[in-house]
Amino acid sequence: MKSRMKNFPYFYQAQIVRWVDGDTVELVLDKGFNDYFGRTDQPVSFRLLNVNAFEKYKPGGAEATAFVNQLAPVGDWVIVRTYKINDKDNFGRYLATIYTDEIEFQAITGPTISEALIAAGHGVPYIAK
């Protein structure tokens, strides 16, 4: 039987545990029904989709990290969309889009952190392979 949900997006509420740098974040995902993926003492690492932010210890990196910390500070709850593009990247991170505003279930609108990083000059567009 052929699956009709091959590219079905998954949306979760997640708590920001730590921004590693401008495009890498550690989260705890609320999967619903009192079930979580990760814990605050063992969060799960995610890479933001469609952006490559400046590295933390290179010029512009500290500013990129501070920028995302301002958009979604540690402890904040955000909406996360996860993707199944080879499941994880080369560093073992899952790929995700994080929305900075509330989203409507029927129509995904509103800015993403990836878009905000690019617009502010803290990163460049990047397409995962």
Foldseek 3Di string as FASTA:
>chain_A
DDDPCPWPKDKWKWFFLADPWLFKTFIWTDPDPRDIDADSVGTAIEGEAFKDFDDCPDVLTVVSRVVVCVLHNGGRIWMKIWGPPVQADPVRHTYIWTASDDADPVDGDHDTSRVVCVVVPRIHTDHDD
